[in-house]
Protein backbone atom coordinates (compact mmCIF):
# COMPACT_ATOMS: atom_id res chain seq x y z
CA MET A 1 -14.33 7.93 -18.48
CA LYS A 2 -13.32 10.74 -16.17
CA ILE A 3 -11.16 9.24 -13.44
CA VAL A 4 -9.56 10.87 -10.40
CA VAL A 5 -6.43 9.20 -9.02
CA THR A 6 -5.04 9.97 -5.56
CA GLY A 7 -1.50 9.09 -4.53
CA SER A 8 0.32 11.56 -6.79
CA LEU A 9 3.07 9.83 -8.81
CA GLY A 10 3.67 7.07 -6.28
CA HIS A 11 4.58 3.44 -6.86
CA ILE A 12 0.99 2.51 -7.77
CA SER A 13 -0.59 5.75 -8.93
CA LYS A 14 2.00 6.53 -11.61
CA PRO A 15 1.74 3.22 -13.53
CA LEU A 16 -2.04 3.29 -12.98
CA THR A 17 -2.26 6.76 -14.49
CA GLN A 18 -0.10 5.71 -17.42
CA GLU A 19 -2.30 2.71 -18.19
CA LEU A 20 -5.55 4.64 -17.85
CA VAL A 21 -4.32 7.42 -20.14
CA GLN A 22 -3.15 4.85 -22.69
CA LYS A 23 -6.64 3.36 -22.64
CA GLY A 24 -8.11 6.74 -23.53
CA HIS A 25 -9.49 7.84 -20.19
CA SER A 26 -9.42 11.43 -18.92
CA VAL A 27 -7.35 11.28 -15.74
CA THR A 28 -6.86 13.84 -12.97
CA VAL A 29 -4.07 13.10 -10.51
CA ILE A 30 -4.20 14.58 -7.02
CA SER A 31 -0.86 15.60 -5.52
CA ARG A 32 0.24 17.61 -2.51
CA LYS A 33 3.13 19.19 -4.43
CA ALA A 34 2.83 21.83 -7.15
CA GLU A 35 6.25 20.81 -8.47
CA ARG A 36 4.65 17.55 -9.65
CA ILE A 37 2.36 19.34 -12.13
CA LYS A 38 4.73 19.10 -15.08
CA ALA A 39 5.46 15.41 -14.51
CA ILE A 40 1.74 14.65 -14.22
CA GLU A 41 0.94 16.54 -17.40
CA THR A 42 3.78 14.76 -19.20
CA LEU A 43 1.88 11.51 -18.56
CA GLY A 44 -1.13 12.98 -20.34
CA ALA A 45 -3.12 13.64 -17.15
CA GLN A 46 -4.32 16.78 -15.39
CA ALA A 47 -3.04 17.78 -11.97
CA ALA A 48 -5.09 18.84 -8.95
CA ILE A 49 -2.91 20.23 -6.15
CA GLY A 50 -4.13 19.99 -2.59
CA THR A 51 -4.18 17.81 0.50
CA MET A 52 -6.21 14.82 1.66
CA GLU A 53 -6.98 16.77 4.82
CA ASP A 54 -8.94 19.40 2.84
CA VAL A 55 -12.46 18.04 2.27
CA GLY A 56 -13.46 21.06 0.20
CA PHE A 57 -10.54 20.51 -2.17
CA LEU A 58 -11.31 16.79 -2.46
CA THR A 59 -14.98 17.47 -3.16
CA THR A 60 -14.10 19.89 -5.95
CA ALA A 61 -11.56 17.47 -7.41
CA PHE A 62 -14.09 14.61 -7.36
CA ASN A 63 -16.91 16.61 -8.94
CA GLY A 64 -17.94 15.17 -12.32
CA ALA A 65 -15.78 12.06 -12.02
CA ASP A 66 -17.09 8.71 -13.21
CA VAL A 67 -14.66 6.85 -10.94
CA VAL A 68 -12.40 7.93 -8.09
CA TYR A 69 -9.44 5.87 -6.87
CA VAL A 70 -8.64 6.69 -3.25
CA MET A 71 -5.76 5.67 -1.02
CA GLU A 72 -4.42 6.83 2.32
CA ALA A 73 -0.97 8.39 1.95
CA LEU A 74 0.65 10.45 4.67
CA ALA A 75 3.61 12.72 4.01
CA TYR A 76 7.10 11.24 4.04
CA GLY A 77 8.54 10.89 7.53
CA SER A 78 5.20 10.30 9.25
CA PHE A 79 6.52 7.13 10.91
CA PHE A 80 8.96 9.29 12.85
CA ASP A 81 6.57 12.08 13.82
CA LYS A 82 6.32 11.83 17.60
CA ASN A 83 3.13 13.91 17.60
CA LEU A 84 1.27 11.82 15.02
CA ASP A 85 -1.09 8.93 15.72
CA PHE A 86 -0.56 7.00 12.47
CA ILE A 87 -3.74 4.93 12.67
CA GLU A 88 -5.87 7.89 13.70
CA ALA A 89 -4.48 10.15 10.94
CA ASN A 90 -5.17 7.57 8.23
CA THR A 91 -8.63 6.87 9.63
CA GLN A 92 -9.38 10.59 9.46
CA MET A 93 -8.35 10.56 5.81
CA GLY A 94 -10.98 7.88 5.24
CA LEU A 95 -13.58 10.11 6.86
CA ASN A 96 -12.50 12.95 4.55
CA TYR A 97 -12.88 10.70 1.50
CA LYS A 98 -16.32 9.59 2.62
CA GLN A 99 -17.48 13.19 2.99
CA ALA A 100 -16.00 14.29 -0.35
CA ILE A 101 -17.48 11.30 -2.20
CA ASP A 102 -20.89 11.97 -0.69
CA GLN A 103 -20.80 15.70 -1.41
CA SER A 104 -19.49 15.32 -4.97
CA GLY A 105 -22.04 12.70 -5.94
CA VAL A 106 -19.49 10.16 -7.18
CA LYS A 107 -21.09 6.74 -7.54
CA GLN A 108 -18.10 4.52 -8.39
CA VAL A 109 -15.12 4.19 -6.04
CA VAL A 110 -11.99 2.05 -5.99
CA HIS A 111 -10.27 2.03 -2.61
CA LEU A 112 -6.73 0.82 -1.97
CA SER A 113 -7.07 -1.14 1.24
CA SER A 114 -4.78 -3.93 2.45
CA ILE A 115 -4.48 -7.49 3.54
CA GLY A 116 -5.58 -7.61 7.17
CA ALA A 117 -8.53 -5.28 6.62
CA HIS A 118 -10.87 -8.19 7.40
CA THR A 119 -10.37 -7.63 11.14
CA ASN A 120 -9.59 -4.93 13.67
CA LYS A 121 -7.88 -7.38 16.00
CA GLY A 122 -4.17 -8.16 16.14
CA THR A 123 -2.99 -6.60 12.87
CA GLY A 124 -1.09 -3.69 14.40
CA ILE A 125 -0.51 -0.73 12.15
CA LEU A 126 -2.82 -2.13 9.47
CA LYS A 127 -5.88 -1.55 11.65
CA PHE A 128 -6.63 1.73 9.88
CA HIS A 129 -7.49 -0.20 6.70
CA TYR A 130 -10.28 -1.98 8.58
CA ASN A 131 -11.41 1.39 9.91
CA VAL A 132 -11.47 3.08 6.50
CA GLU A 133 -13.22 0.20 4.75
CA ASN A 134 -16.01 0.37 7.31
CA ILE A 135 -16.22 4.16 7.07
CA LEU A 136 -16.63 3.96 3.28
CA LYS A 137 -19.23 1.21 3.68
CA GLU A 138 -21.39 3.81 5.44
CA LEU A 139 -21.87 5.60 2.11
CA PRO A 140 -25.31 5.16 0.48
CA ASP A 141 -25.98 1.82 -1.19
CA ASN A 142 -26.02 3.45 -4.62
CA VAL A 143 -22.28 4.19 -4.25
CA ALA A 144 -20.50 1.10 -5.59
CA ILE A 145 -17.12 0.44 -3.98
CA LYS A 146 -14.32 -1.95 -4.89
CA PHE A 147 -11.91 -2.63 -2.03
CA MET A 148 -8.48 -3.66 -3.29
CA ARG A 149 -6.49 -5.66 -0.72
CA PRO A 150 -2.86 -6.12 -1.76
CA VAL A 151 -0.46 -8.12 0.36
CA GLY A 152 2.99 -6.90 1.48
CA PHE A 153 4.77 -4.78 -1.13
CA TYR A 154 8.12 -5.99 -2.46
CA TYR A 155 9.61 -2.53 -2.00
CA ASN A 156 9.11 -2.83 1.76
CA MET A 157 12.12 -5.15 1.56
CA TYR A 158 14.32 -2.09 1.07
CA GLN A 159 14.12 -1.70 4.85
CA TYR A 160 16.36 -4.79 5.06
CA ILE A 161 19.28 -2.99 3.46
CA GLN A 162 20.52 -1.35 6.65
CA SER A 163 20.73 -4.56 8.69
CA ILE A 164 22.31 -6.43 5.78
CA LYS A 165 25.02 -3.79 5.55
CA THR A 166 25.59 -3.34 9.27
CA GLN A 167 24.91 -6.83 10.62
CA GLY A 168 25.18 -9.05 7.56
CA ALA A 169 21.66 -10.42 7.88
CA ILE A 170 17.95 -9.68 7.54
CA ILE A 171 16.58 -9.30 11.06
CA GLN A 172 12.84 -9.40 11.82
CA ASN A 173 10.48 -10.66 14.52
CA TYR A 174 9.14 -13.38 12.22
CA GLY A 175 10.74 -15.72 9.72
CA GLY A 176 11.26 -19.36 8.74
CA ASP A 177 10.16 -21.54 5.84
CA GLU A 178 6.43 -20.73 5.82
CA LYS A 179 5.55 -19.08 2.52
CA GLU A 180 3.75 -15.74 2.54
CA PRO A 181 2.41 -13.59 -0.29
CA TRP A 182 4.10 -10.47 -1.70
CA VAL A 183 3.10 -8.09 -4.46
CA SER A 184 4.53 -5.63 -6.97
CA PRO A 185 2.94 -2.16 -7.26
CA LEU A 186 2.89 -2.78 -11.03
CA ASP A 187 0.59 -5.76 -10.53
CA ILE A 188 -1.59 -3.72 -8.15
CA ALA A 189 -1.90 -0.96 -10.76
CA ALA A 190 -2.83 -3.50 -13.43
CA VAL A 191 -5.59 -4.99 -11.26
CA ILE A 192 -6.98 -1.56 -10.38
CA ALA A 193 -7.00 -0.52 -14.05
CA GLU A 194 -8.85 -3.73 -14.86
CA GLU A 195 -11.41 -3.19 -12.11
CA ILE A 196 -12.05 0.39 -13.19
CA GLU A 197 -13.24 -0.89 -16.57
CA LEU A 198 -15.34 -3.73 -15.15
CA PRO A 199 -18.94 -3.12 -14.06
CA PHE A 200 -19.48 -1.61 -10.60
CA GLU A 201 -22.17 -3.06 -8.37
CA GLY A 202 -22.52 -3.07 -4.60
CA ARG A 203 -19.37 -3.71 -2.57
CA LYS A 204 -16.56 -5.93 -3.86
CA ILE A 205 -13.31 -7.14 -2.26
CA ARG A 206 -10.34 -8.33 -4.31
CA ASN A 207 -7.06 -9.60 -2.91
CA ILE A 208 -3.90 -8.92 -4.95
CA ALA A 209 -0.61 -10.84 -4.93
CA SER A 210 2.35 -11.51 -7.22
CA ASP A 211 4.22 -14.38 -5.59
CA GLU A 212 4.49 -16.52 -2.47
CA VAL A 213 7.89 -17.05 -0.87
CA SER A 214 9.21 -17.78 2.60
CA PRO A 215 11.48 -15.46 4.58
CA ASN A 216 14.36 -17.91 4.13
CA GLU A 217 13.74 -17.97 0.37
CA ILE A 218 13.75 -14.17 0.35
CA ALA A 219 17.14 -14.12 2.05
CA GLY A 220 18.49 -16.58 -0.50
CA THR A 221 17.12 -14.74 -3.53
CA LEU A 222 18.15 -11.27 -2.37
CA GLY A 223 21.51 -12.60 -1.24
CA GLU A 224 22.25 -14.04 -4.67
CA ALA A 225 21.26 -10.77 -6.31
CA ILE A 226 23.63 -8.65 -4.18
CA GLY A 227 26.54 -11.07 -4.22
CA LYS A 228 25.95 -12.42 -0.71
CA PRO A 229 24.74 -16.00 -1.36
CA ASP A 230 25.05 -16.92 2.32
CA LEU A 231 22.69 -14.16 3.48
CA LYS A 232 20.52 -15.35 6.37
CA TRP A 233 17.20 -14.25 7.86
CA PHE A 234 17.43 -14.09 11.65
CA VAL A 235 14.40 -14.02 13.93
CA ILE A 236 14.45 -11.86 17.06
CA SER A 237 11.85 -11.32 19.78
CA ASP A 238 9.08 -8.76 19.60
CA GLU A 239 10.77 -6.86 22.41
CA GLN A 240 14.09 -6.72 20.55
CA MET A 241 12.33 -5.60 17.36
CA LEU A 242 10.47 -2.85 19.20
CA SER A 243 13.66 -1.64 20.84
CA GLY A 244 15.43 -1.52 17.49
CA LEU A 245 12.66 0.48 15.79
CA LYS A 246 12.55 2.97 18.65
CA ALA A 247 16.31 3.37 18.37
CA THR A 248 15.87 4.55 14.77
CA GLY A 249 13.66 7.38 16.04
CA MET A 250 10.33 5.86 15.05
CA ASN A 251 7.25 7.02 16.92
CA PRO A 252 6.91 4.44 19.77
CA LYS A 253 3.21 3.79 19.06
CA THR A 254 3.90 3.37 15.36
CA ALA A 255 6.78 1.03 16.17
CA GLN A 256 4.47 -1.09 18.31
CA GLY A 257 2.10 -1.24 15.35
CA PHE A 258 4.83 -2.59 13.08
CA VAL A 259 5.86 -5.22 15.63
CA LYS A 260 2.25 -6.38 16.03
CA MET A 261 1.80 -6.52 12.25
CA ASN A 262 4.82 -8.80 11.92
CA ALA A 263 3.53 -10.92 14.79
CA ALA A 264 0.27 -11.33 12.83
CA ARG A 265 2.35 -12.64 9.91
CA ARG A 266 3.98 -15.10 12.28
CA THR A 267 0.68 -16.41 13.66
CA GLY A 268 -1.14 -16.38 10.32
CA THR A 269 -3.82 -13.95 11.52
CA LEU A 270 -2.88 -11.52 8.78
CA TYR A 271 -3.54 -14.02 6.02
CA GLN A 272 -6.83 -15.56 7.16
CA ASP A 273 -9.00 -13.86 4.53
CA TYR A 274 -6.29 -14.06 1.86
CA TYR A 275 -6.19 -17.86 1.91
CA LYS A 276 -9.99 -18.04 1.87
CA ASN A 277 -10.06 -15.82 -1.23
CA LYS A 278 -6.70 -16.47 -2.83
CA PRO A 279 -6.16 -14.49 -6.06
CA ALA A 280 -4.38 -15.42 -9.26
CA PHE A 281 -0.80 -14.17 -9.13
CA GLY A 282 0.43 -11.14 -11.07
CA LYS A 283 3.40 -11.08 -13.41
CA VAL A 284 6.22 -9.68 -11.24
CA LYS A 285 8.04 -12.32 -9.21
CA LEU A 286 10.54 -12.01 -6.36
CA ALA A 287 13.38 -12.81 -8.77
CA ASP A 288 12.37 -9.77 -10.84
CA PHE A 289 12.28 -7.50 -7.81
CA ALA A 290 15.63 -8.84 -6.59
CA LYS A 291 17.31 -7.17 -9.58
CA GLU A 292 15.88 -3.79 -8.54
CA PHE A 293 16.84 -4.49 -4.94
CA ALA A 294 20.44 -5.10 -5.99
CA VAL A 295 20.61 -1.78 -7.81
CA VAL A 296 19.36 0.14 -4.76
CA PHE A 297 21.56 -1.88 -2.41
CA ASN A 298 24.69 -1.04 -4.41
CA GLN A 299 23.77 2.64 -4.62
CA GLU A 300 23.46 3.11 -0.86
């Protein structure tokens, strides 16, 4: 099949491209950066250089594809752009995808959504996933769409490194012994590759997870990996969390979105649909990720 992959050579798109090429598919990878062309071609794929904001470019890139895999990915540093409305910018990207899919005539779409996309209430920064899912659902009925909803990515734990090094603890506005799901991008890529080769019909939602662990278990596992077996996870108030994120230079509205997202983890709102449609776990466990975490921790 001819498959178009957005997301350049990111954490999901690169292993996805590798697997699809290995399975004999013709893959085109969309990237913003021309300097990625060689790396993309080395994987056995073709490169299409342009932006998600350019509907004409997207339409041309999608033309003739059997399947397109779309995800919202803003440029690095967008969290700190004081002039950017993060939810609005990602929602606009969904509108661009919808227009390009419609104009190109693509009939099979895989969309990287997220846990929390089941509601537009109380999920903070994740609200744009709800928005984009509903935008894509406006496409004609003969366009089959698979919405992939992964849970929190392991690599988001890299944000804990700074507080571990400066304050000797993981500090968030949620915590405790309640288990929550996490996922590896490798497991997400594997599920997407699987879905691309399964029949497309109507609209499908699939949750994706690798493991379930509590915040306190995360502190223990990461602590062991970095040689700090007594590492603790401390819970602070929403107000303290918001103040801390603003102090790093994060866009205040974006910071509020992160705080609300974590609050949704604390109340369970974020996981309502997940526990109703709980998936089989992938292969990569927290203990596996902890080894990678330790390498990055010791490099910084």
